């Protein structure tokens, strides 16, 4: 039975390499559609949890995961040997930046090397990890060709960027449109067949993997640059005594040619702070300097310092030095109503407060404790029963669970970096 028929009849076994924020929701989505799914991860914790039906990703339903595991539709392993039984394999491994802000493709290289040693002929391999344009052709294709596979004939390779938006209630893995770029027409055809069988969304085919890789980078660079513009407007409006939030609300009334982006204490998540740098790194290979992208990154990276400087000035007006003050950071996750701490701006804020010898705590019901990668320290969330004891509250993440009216009422000073207290009027409330 050929691969196309296996996909159509749902007898194909699906492999998922990497069971994190992208891989586990995809594994559940595929298993939900009636395919047997086998996952691989280097984390024993992740593999054990999956095999026990224990969820650890916010966008996955606990009961559904448990049911799929009990029905033997989903399992996990530490070994790539299980990939030998798979007909379609999706790779969703981390693609971080190194200390020089250059792409670290070691996870992709390692996983693809292991796959090439364990897969069978007539297998479709799809890379979903966000990466620089050229990765699929430069890393995946040679790895399989070195093992004797002929791409487009007995092994099929494509790139299809993940579009996971943690916490999004409307768009999940199953209903978000998918972009696919295969190495050949046959690779595209099989990829389209597969995604149509598991997703309730449109599939958009592009001519090459590089187009799909660039498309993903473009999506996140677009957001990064526009957030940087909103942040720079905030800095300028601060100097001019203008409320940037009111400016944005006014601009939103234009029914065309404007899309609202909002300032914040910094940008977080795996995508927006990192992805644009994949492109700036690759651009150097072609002798091009991506000035706008790099400038946007600089502006966004300065926002934690902007927040702490503003906080210090507000305290000074009240006769307090930051070094003698006690601050409560409200919210730790990088965005509202999730537990994801990747690249969260609170990590920078904490380091800056420590540099100023300020006392501080944090509260986040979604993040009871976390490890700050910037200073290698661990922190634990405190309660909100002693808000009155803090000299200032800084709203870092606008979780809906918070009662902002009560927080403002009980606080000496509130610095709102997210417009969480919109509509609340109080002398002790200051918007960033």
Protein backbone atom coordinates (compact mmCIF):
# COMPACT_ATOMS: atom_id res chain seq x y z
CA UNK A 1 0.00 0.00 0.00
CA UNK A 2 1.51 3.37 -1.01
CA UNK A 3 1.79 6.39 1.26
CA UNK A 4 -1.03 8.36 -0.37
CA UNK A 5 -3.46 5.47 0.22
CA UNK A 6 -2.30 5.03 3.81
CA UNK A 7 -2.99 8.70 4.49
CA UNK A 8 -6.40 8.58 2.85
CA UNK A 9 -7.41 5.43 4.74
CA UNK A 10 -5.82 6.67 7.99
CA UNK A 11 -3.70 3.56 8.35
CA UNK A 12 -0.52 5.64 8.26
CA UNK A 13 1.42 5.84 11.52
CA UNK A 14 2.43 9.39 12.36
CA UNK A 15 5.62 10.36 14.16
CA UNK A 16 6.15 13.63 16.05
CA UNK A 17 9.69 14.60 17.01
CA UNK A 18 9.64 17.09 19.88
CA UNK A 19 6.73 17.09 22.34
CA UNK A 20 6.75 20.71 23.45
CA UNK A 21 4.47 23.69 22.79
CA UNK A 22 4.22 22.78 19.09
CA UNK A 23 4.68 19.04 19.01
CA UNK A 24 2.27 17.88 21.70
CA UNK A 25 -0.74 19.90 20.45
CA UNK A 26 -0.01 18.60 16.93
CA UNK A 27 0.27 15.02 18.19
CA UNK A 28 -3.11 15.34 19.92
CA UNK A 29 -4.67 16.94 16.82
CA UNK A 30 -3.46 14.07 14.61
CA UNK A 31 -4.52 11.33 17.03
CA UNK A 32 -7.92 12.97 17.40
CA UNK A 33 -8.43 12.48 13.65
CA UNK A 34 -7.94 8.72 13.91
CA UNK A 35 -4.22 8.27 13.20
CA UNK A 36 -1.94 6.33 15.51
CA UNK A 37 0.75 8.73 16.75
CA UNK A 38 4.19 8.00 18.16
CA UNK A 39 6.15 10.85 19.73
CA UNK A 40 9.87 11.16 20.43
CA UNK A 41 11.51 13.55 22.86
CA UNK A 42 14.86 13.79 24.62
CA UNK A 43 13.08 14.75 27.85
CA UNK A 44 12.30 11.75 30.03
CA UNK A 45 9.84 13.97 31.92
CA UNK A 46 7.86 14.70 28.74
CA UNK A 47 7.87 11.09 27.57
CA UNK A 48 6.77 9.77 30.96
CA UNK A 49 3.98 12.32 31.23
CA UNK A 50 2.63 11.55 27.76
CA UNK A 51 2.64 7.80 28.38
CA UNK A 52 0.82 8.39 31.66
CA UNK A 53 -1.71 10.68 30.00
CA UNK A 54 -0.52 13.64 32.05
CA UNK A 55 -0.71 17.00 30.30
CA UNK A 56 1.92 19.75 30.64
CA UNK A 57 0.98 22.12 27.79
CA UNK A 58 -1.70 24.78 28.25
CA UNK A 59 -3.33 24.42 24.84
CA UNK A 60 -3.89 20.66 25.25
CA UNK A 61 -7.02 19.34 26.91
CA UNK A 62 -6.13 17.15 29.90
CA UNK A 63 -9.01 14.71 29.48
CA UNK A 64 -8.51 14.34 25.73
CA UNK A 65 -4.82 13.55 26.11
CA UNK A 66 -5.55 10.93 28.75
CA UNK A 67 -8.26 9.34 26.60
CA UNK A 68 -6.05 9.17 23.50
CA UNK A 69 -3.28 7.49 25.49
CA UNK A 70 -5.68 5.00 27.08
CA UNK A 71 -7.05 4.19 23.61
CA UNK A 72 -3.47 3.55 22.43
CA UNK A 73 -3.73 6.27 19.81
CA UNK A 74 -0.81 8.21 21.28
CA UNK A 75 2.44 7.10 22.89
CA UNK A 76 5.94 8.48 23.38
CA UNK A 77 9.51 7.23 23.42
CA UNK A 78 13.04 8.40 24.13
CA UNK A 79 14.36 6.33 21.21
CA UNK A 80 14.23 7.16 17.50
CA UNK A 81 13.95 3.46 16.68
CA UNK A 82 10.16 3.78 16.87
CA UNK A 83 10.30 6.15 13.87
CA UNK A 84 10.94 3.10 11.67
CA UNK A 85 7.22 2.26 11.85
CA UNK A 86 6.10 5.79 10.93
CA UNK A 87 4.85 6.83 7.50
CA UNK A 88 4.68 10.58 8.16
CA UNK A 89 7.03 12.35 10.58
CA UNK A 90 6.72 15.94 11.79
CA UNK A 91 9.74 17.57 13.38
CA UNK A 92 9.06 20.30 15.95
CA UNK A 93 12.29 20.74 17.89
CA UNK A 94 13.65 23.97 19.46
CA UNK A 95 15.53 26.50 17.33
CA UNK A 96 17.08 28.92 19.84
CA UNK A 97 19.70 31.61 19.32
CA UNK A 98 23.19 31.28 20.73
CA UNK A 99 24.95 33.95 22.78
CA UNK A 100 25.97 35.72 19.56
CA UNK A 101 22.31 36.00 18.43
CA UNK A 102 22.94 33.42 15.71
CA UNK A 103 20.63 30.45 14.97
CA UNK A 104 21.43 27.28 16.87
CA UNK A 105 20.40 24.53 14.46
CA UNK A 106 21.93 21.73 16.54
CA UNK A 107 18.52 20.35 17.59
CA UNK A 108 17.40 20.13 13.96
CA UNK A 109 20.69 18.56 12.85
CA UNK A 110 20.63 16.02 15.65
CA UNK A 111 17.01 14.98 15.16
CA UNK A 112 17.32 14.74 11.37
CA UNK A 113 20.51 12.67 11.67
CA UNK A 114 18.69 10.25 13.99
CA UNK A 115 15.68 10.14 11.67
CA UNK A 116 17.80 9.42 8.59
CA UNK A 117 19.25 6.43 10.43
CA UNK A 118 15.85 5.04 11.42
CA UNK A 119 13.20 5.84 8.78
CA UNK A 120 12.01 3.54 6.00
CA UNK A 121 11.45 4.33 2.35
CA UNK A 122 8.16 5.91 1.27
CA UNK A 123 8.13 8.22 4.31
CA UNK A 124 7.10 11.89 4.41
CA UNK A 125 9.22 14.09 6.68
CA UNK A 126 7.95 17.60 7.47
CA UNK A 127 9.97 20.16 9.39
CA UNK A 128 7.76 22.53 11.43
CA UNK A 129 10.43 24.25 13.55
CA UNK A 130 10.82 27.94 12.76
CA UNK A 131 14.19 28.48 11.12
CA UNK A 132 16.12 30.47 8.52
CA UNK A 133 15.38 30.20 4.78
CA UNK A 134 17.43 27.38 3.30
CA UNK A 135 17.37 25.01 6.29
CA UNK A 136 15.36 22.26 4.61
CA UNK A 137 17.56 22.15 1.52
CA UNK A 138 20.81 22.60 3.43
CA UNK A 139 20.24 20.23 6.37
CA UNK A 140 17.37 17.81 5.70
CA UNK A 141 17.93 16.91 2.06
CA UNK A 142 21.68 16.07 2.38
CA UNK A 143 21.11 14.05 5.56
CA UNK A 144 18.68 11.69 3.84
CA UNK A 145 20.60 11.58 0.56
CA UNK A 146 23.72 10.48 2.45
CA UNK A 147 21.74 7.46 3.65
CA UNK A 148 20.84 6.50 0.09
CA UNK A 149 17.35 8.01 -0.11
CA UNK A 150 16.27 9.76 -3.30
CA UNK A 151 14.24 12.80 -2.30
CA UNK A 152 10.94 13.01 -4.17
CA UNK A 153 10.98 9.32 -5.03
CA UNK A 154 11.46 7.17 -1.94
CA UNK A 155 11.65 9.87 0.73
CA UNK A 156 9.51 13.01 0.72
CA UNK A 157 10.52 16.23 2.45
CA UNK A 158 8.68 19.49 3.12
CA UNK A 159 8.67 22.51 5.39
CA UNK A 160 5.46 23.69 7.02
CA UNK A 161 5.87 26.38 9.68
CA UNK A 162 4.07 26.02 12.98
CA UNK A 163 1.63 28.80 13.78
CA UNK A 164 0.96 28.08 17.43
CA UNK A 165 -0.35 31.06 19.40
CA UNK A 166 -0.44 29.99 23.08
CA UNK A 167 -3.64 31.02 24.79
CA UNK A 168 -5.52 31.89 21.60
CA UNK A 169 -9.13 30.78 22.15
CA UNK A 170 -10.18 31.08 18.51
CA UNK A 171 -7.31 29.60 16.54
CA UNK A 172 -5.72 26.33 17.58
CA UNK A 173 -3.52 23.85 15.73
CA UNK A 174 -6.52 22.20 14.06
CA UNK A 175 -8.14 25.31 12.51
CA UNK A 176 -5.19 27.55 11.65
CA UNK A 177 -4.40 27.73 7.88
CA UNK A 178 -1.25 25.82 6.93
CA UNK A 179 1.53 26.87 4.57
CA UNK A 180 3.51 24.04 2.97
CA UNK A 181 6.62 24.09 0.80
CA UNK A 182 7.80 20.73 -0.52
CA UNK A 183 11.13 19.85 -2.15
CA UNK A 184 9.21 18.50 -5.16
CA UNK A 185 5.66 18.46 -6.50
CA UNK A 186 5.17 14.96 -5.09
CA UNK A 187 6.37 16.17 -1.68
CA UNK A 188 3.82 19.00 -1.83
CA UNK A 189 1.05 16.68 -2.95
CA UNK A 190 1.58 14.20 -0.11
CA UNK A 191 1.95 16.98 2.45
CA UNK A 192 -1.31 18.53 1.30
CA UNK A 193 -3.06 15.14 1.50
CA UNK A 194 -1.78 14.66 5.03
CA UNK A 195 -2.67 18.09 6.40
CA UNK A 196 -6.11 18.01 4.78
CA UNK A 197 -6.75 14.75 6.63
CA UNK A 198 -5.97 16.22 10.05
CA UNK A 199 -6.81 19.94 9.90
CA UNK A 200 -10.05 21.87 9.61
CA UNK A 201 -8.29 24.66 7.75
CA UNK A 202 -7.05 25.60 4.31
CA UNK A 203 -3.68 24.39 2.99
CA UNK A 204 -1.62 26.90 1.02
CA UNK A 205 1.10 25.36 -1.14
CA UNK A 206 4.21 27.33 -2.10
CA UNK A 207 6.85 26.46 -4.65
CA UNK A 208 9.79 25.65 -2.37
CA UNK A 209 10.65 25.04 1.28
CA UNK A 210 12.62 28.31 1.28
CA UNK A 211 9.46 30.28 0.48
CA UNK A 212 7.64 28.66 3.40
CA UNK A 213 10.63 29.26 5.69
CA UNK A 214 10.80 32.92 4.67
CA UNK A 215 7.03 33.31 5.03
CA UNK A 216 7.19 32.28 8.68
CA UNK A 217 10.05 34.67 9.40
CA UNK A 218 8.14 37.44 7.62
CA UNK A 219 5.06 36.88 9.81
CA UNK A 220 6.99 37.33 13.03
CA UNK A 221 9.27 40.09 11.73
CA UNK A 222 6.14 42.03 10.76
CA UNK A 223 4.90 41.82 14.32
CA UNK A 224 8.31 42.56 15.81
CA UNK A 225 8.74 45.75 13.78
CA UNK A 226 5.23 47.03 14.45
CA UNK A 227 5.55 46.37 18.17
CA UNK A 228 8.83 48.27 18.06
CA UNK A 229 7.04 51.20 16.44
CA UNK A 230 4.41 51.17 19.20
CA UNK A 231 7.17 51.03 21.81
CA UNK A 232 9.10 53.90 20.23
CA UNK A 233 5.90 55.96 20.08
CA UNK A 234 5.51 55.25 23.79
CA UNK A 235 8.97 56.59 24.56
CA UNK A 236 8.35 59.72 22.49
CA UNK A 237 4.87 60.28 23.93
CA UNK A 238 6.32 59.99 27.43
CA UNK A 239 8.73 62.82 26.68
CA UNK A 240 5.99 64.94 25.11
CA UNK A 241 3.41 64.35 27.84
CA UNK A 242 1.00 62.55 25.50
CA UNK A 243 -0.97 59.40 26.35
CA UNK A 244 0.16 56.81 23.78
CA UNK A 245 -2.83 54.56 24.54
CA UNK A 246 -5.23 57.36 23.63
CA UNK A 247 -3.26 57.95 20.43
CA UNK A 248 -3.60 54.29 19.43
CA UNK A 249 -7.32 54.21 20.19
CA UNK A 250 -7.79 57.28 18.01
CA UNK A 251 -5.77 55.78 15.16
CA UNK A 252 -7.89 52.60 15.32
CA UNK A 253 -10.92 54.56 14.15
CA UNK A 254 -9.47 54.63 10.63
CA UNK A 255 -11.18 51.74 8.78
CA UNK A 256 -8.28 51.11 6.39
CA UNK A 257 -4.50 51.37 6.26
CA UNK A 258 -3.93 50.98 10.01
CA UNK A 259 -3.49 47.94 12.23
CA UNK A 260 -3.21 48.46 15.98
CA UNK A 261 -0.14 47.20 17.80
CA UNK A 262 0.46 47.90 21.46
CA UNK A 263 3.47 48.77 23.62
CA UNK A 264 4.57 46.68 26.55
CA UNK A 265 7.35 46.03 29.07
CA UNK A 266 9.22 43.91 26.52
CA UNK A 267 8.47 41.12 24.08
CA UNK A 268 8.38 37.43 24.93
CA UNK A 269 7.61 33.99 23.63
CA UNK A 270 9.77 31.83 21.42
CA UNK A 271 8.92 33.48 18.10
CA UNK A 272 8.93 37.28 18.03
CA UNK A 273 12.10 37.96 20.07
CA UNK A 274 14.10 35.31 18.17
CA UNK A 275 12.85 34.68 14.64
CA UNK A 276 13.88 38.00 13.06
CA UNK A 277 17.48 37.27 14.02
CA UNK A 278 17.43 34.10 11.91
CA UNK A 279 16.87 36.37 8.95
CA UNK A 280 19.49 38.96 9.88
CA UNK A 281 22.04 36.14 10.24
CA UNK A 282 21.15 34.58 6.89
CA UNK A 283 21.12 37.98 5.16
CA UNK A 284 24.83 38.43 5.91
CA UNK A 285 25.52 35.45 3.67
CA UNK A 286 24.18 37.58 0.83
CA UNK A 287 26.00 40.73 1.86
CA UNK A 288 22.86 42.48 3.10
CA UNK A 289 22.41 44.30 6.40
CA UNK A 290 18.81 44.14 7.67
CA UNK A 291 18.92 47.49 9.43
CA UNK A 292 15.21 47.90 10.13
CA UNK A 293 14.88 44.45 11.68
CA UNK A 294 17.91 44.92 13.92
CA UNK A 295 16.79 48.39 14.99
CA UNK A 296 13.36 47.02 15.93
CA UNK A 297 15.05 44.42 18.10
CA UNK A 298 17.10 47.11 19.84
CA UNK A 299 14.02 49.21 20.59
CA UNK A 300 12.06 46.26 21.96
CA UNK A 301 14.99 45.13 24.08
CA UNK A 302 15.14 48.56 25.72
CA UNK A 303 11.58 48.49 27.04
CA UNK A 304 12.37 46.79 30.38
CA UNK A 305 14.86 49.62 31.08
CA UNK A 306 12.22 52.17 30.08
CA UNK A 307 9.77 50.64 32.59
CA UNK A 308 12.27 50.62 35.45
CA UNK A 309 13.34 54.21 34.70
CA UNK A 310 9.72 55.35 34.74
CA UNK A 311 9.09 53.44 37.96
CA UNK A 312 12.12 55.11 39.56
CA UNK A 313 10.88 58.57 38.58
CA UNK A 314 7.41 57.86 39.96
CA UNK A 315 8.89 56.72 43.26
CA UNK A 316 11.18 59.77 43.39
CA UNK A 317 8.13 62.03 43.15
CA UNK A 318 6.89 60.30 46.28
CA UNK A 319 10.20 60.84 48.06
CA UNK A 320 11.34 57.24 47.63
CA UNK A 321 14.48 55.80 46.09
CA UNK A 322 14.12 52.63 44.03
CA UNK A 323 16.89 51.04 46.09
CA UNK A 324 14.87 51.61 49.26
CA UNK A 325 11.54 50.47 47.80
CA UNK A 326 9.71 47.17 47.68
CA UNK A 327 8.09 46.33 44.36
CA UNK A 328 5.49 43.72 43.40
CA UNK A 329 5.61 42.52 39.80
CA UNK A 330 2.13 41.41 38.79
CA UNK A 331 2.21 38.67 36.16
CA UNK A 332 5.21 36.66 34.97
CA UNK A 333 4.16 34.82 31.79
CA UNK A 334 5.01 36.54 28.54
CA UNK A 335 1.34 37.02 27.60
CA UNK A 336 -2.12 36.98 29.13
CA UNK A 337 -3.72 33.85 30.62
CA UNK A 338 -0.95 31.35 29.86
CA UNK A 339 1.90 29.76 31.82
CA UNK A 340 4.57 30.18 29.12
CA UNK A 341 7.69 31.90 30.47
CA UNK A 342 9.86 31.76 27.35
CA UNK A 343 11.71 35.07 26.89
CA UNK A 344 9.28 36.76 29.30
CA UNK A 345 10.20 40.41 30.00
CA UNK A 346 9.86 39.82 33.74
CA UNK A 347 13.27 38.16 33.60
CA UNK A 348 14.87 41.42 32.43
CA UNK A 349 12.83 43.47 34.89
CA UNK A 350 14.02 41.33 37.79
CA UNK A 351 17.67 41.69 36.77
CA UNK A 352 17.26 45.46 36.53
CA UNK A 353 15.60 45.66 39.95
CA UNK A 354 18.44 43.62 41.41
CA UNK A 355 20.96 45.95 39.75
CA UNK A 356 19.23 48.84 41.54
CA UNK A 357 19.21 46.96 44.87
CA UNK A 358 15.41 47.14 44.97
CA UNK A 359 13.36 44.71 47.00
CA UNK A 360 10.73 42.84 44.98
CA UNK A 361 8.34 39.90 44.74
CA UNK A 362 6.17 38.62 41.94
CA UNK A 363 2.69 37.13 41.69
CA UNK A 364 1.30 34.98 38.91
CA UNK A 365 -1.37 32.31 39.48
CA UNK A 366 -0.36 30.69 36.19
CA UNK A 367 3.34 30.57 37.11
CA UNK A 368 3.78 29.46 40.75
CA UNK A 369 7.56 29.36 40.34
CA UNK A 370 10.15 29.83 37.61
CA UNK A 371 13.83 29.80 36.80
CA UNK A 372 15.25 33.08 35.48
CA UNK A 373 17.70 32.09 32.77
CA UNK A 374 19.32 35.53 32.78
CA UNK A 375 20.65 35.30 36.34
CA UNK A 376 20.24 31.56 36.99
CA UNK A 377 18.00 32.15 40.02
CA UNK A 378 14.70 30.62 41.06
CA UNK A 379 11.65 32.62 42.18
CA UNK A 380 8.33 31.72 43.80
CA UNK A 381 5.04 33.56 43.46
CA UNK A 382 3.70 35.33 46.55
CA UNK A 383 0.09 36.00 47.50
CA UNK A 384 -1.83 39.24 47.06
CA UNK A 385 -2.93 39.56 50.67
CA UNK A 386 -0.26 42.16 51.52
CA UNK A 387 -0.44 44.48 48.50
CA UNK A 388 -0.61 47.44 50.89
CA UNK A 389 2.95 46.73 52.03
CA UNK A 390 4.52 47.36 48.61
CA UNK A 391 5.67 50.80 47.53
CA UNK A 392 4.62 50.08 43.94
CA UNK A 393 2.87 47.47 41.84
CA UNK A 394 4.04 46.96 38.25
CA UNK A 395 1.54 45.18 36.00
CA UNK A 396 3.74 43.07 33.73
CA UNK A 397 1.14 40.62 32.39
CA UNK A 398 -2.56 41.47 32.14
CA UNK A 399 -4.10 38.19 33.28
CA UNK A 400 -7.90 38.30 33.33
CA UNK A 401 -7.98 36.57 36.70
CA UNK A 402 -6.83 39.72 38.49
CA UNK A 403 -9.30 42.09 40.10
CA UNK A 404 -7.66 45.30 38.95
CA UNK A 405 -10.12 47.61 40.73
CA UNK A 406 -9.29 45.97 44.03
CA UNK A 407 -5.56 45.99 43.29
CA UNK A 408 -5.57 49.71 42.50
CA UNK A 409 -7.71 50.47 45.53
CA UNK A 410 -5.32 48.68 47.90
CA UNK A 411 -2.04 49.85 46.35
CA UNK A 412 0.10 52.91 47.03
CA UNK A 413 1.19 53.14 43.38
CA UNK A 414 0.37 51.11 40.27
CA UNK A 415 2.36 51.29 37.03
CA UNK A 416 0.27 49.67 34.30
CA UNK A 417 2.36 48.55 31.30
CA UNK A 418 -0.50 46.67 29.59
CA UNK A 419 -3.55 48.92 29.79
CA UNK A 420 -4.99 46.31 32.16
CA UNK A 421 -6.65 49.03 34.25
CA UNK A 422 -8.40 50.73 31.35
CA UNK A 423 -11.46 52.60 32.60
CA UNK A 424 -10.19 52.81 36.18
CA UNK A 425 -9.54 56.35 37.42
CA UNK A 426 -7.30 56.80 40.45
CA UNK A 427 -4.54 59.17 41.52
CA UNK A 428 -2.22 56.26 42.32
CA UNK A 429 -2.62 54.65 38.85
CA UNK A 430 -0.15 55.50 36.07
CA UNK A 431 -0.22 54.07 32.58
CA UNK A 432 3.09 53.38 30.88
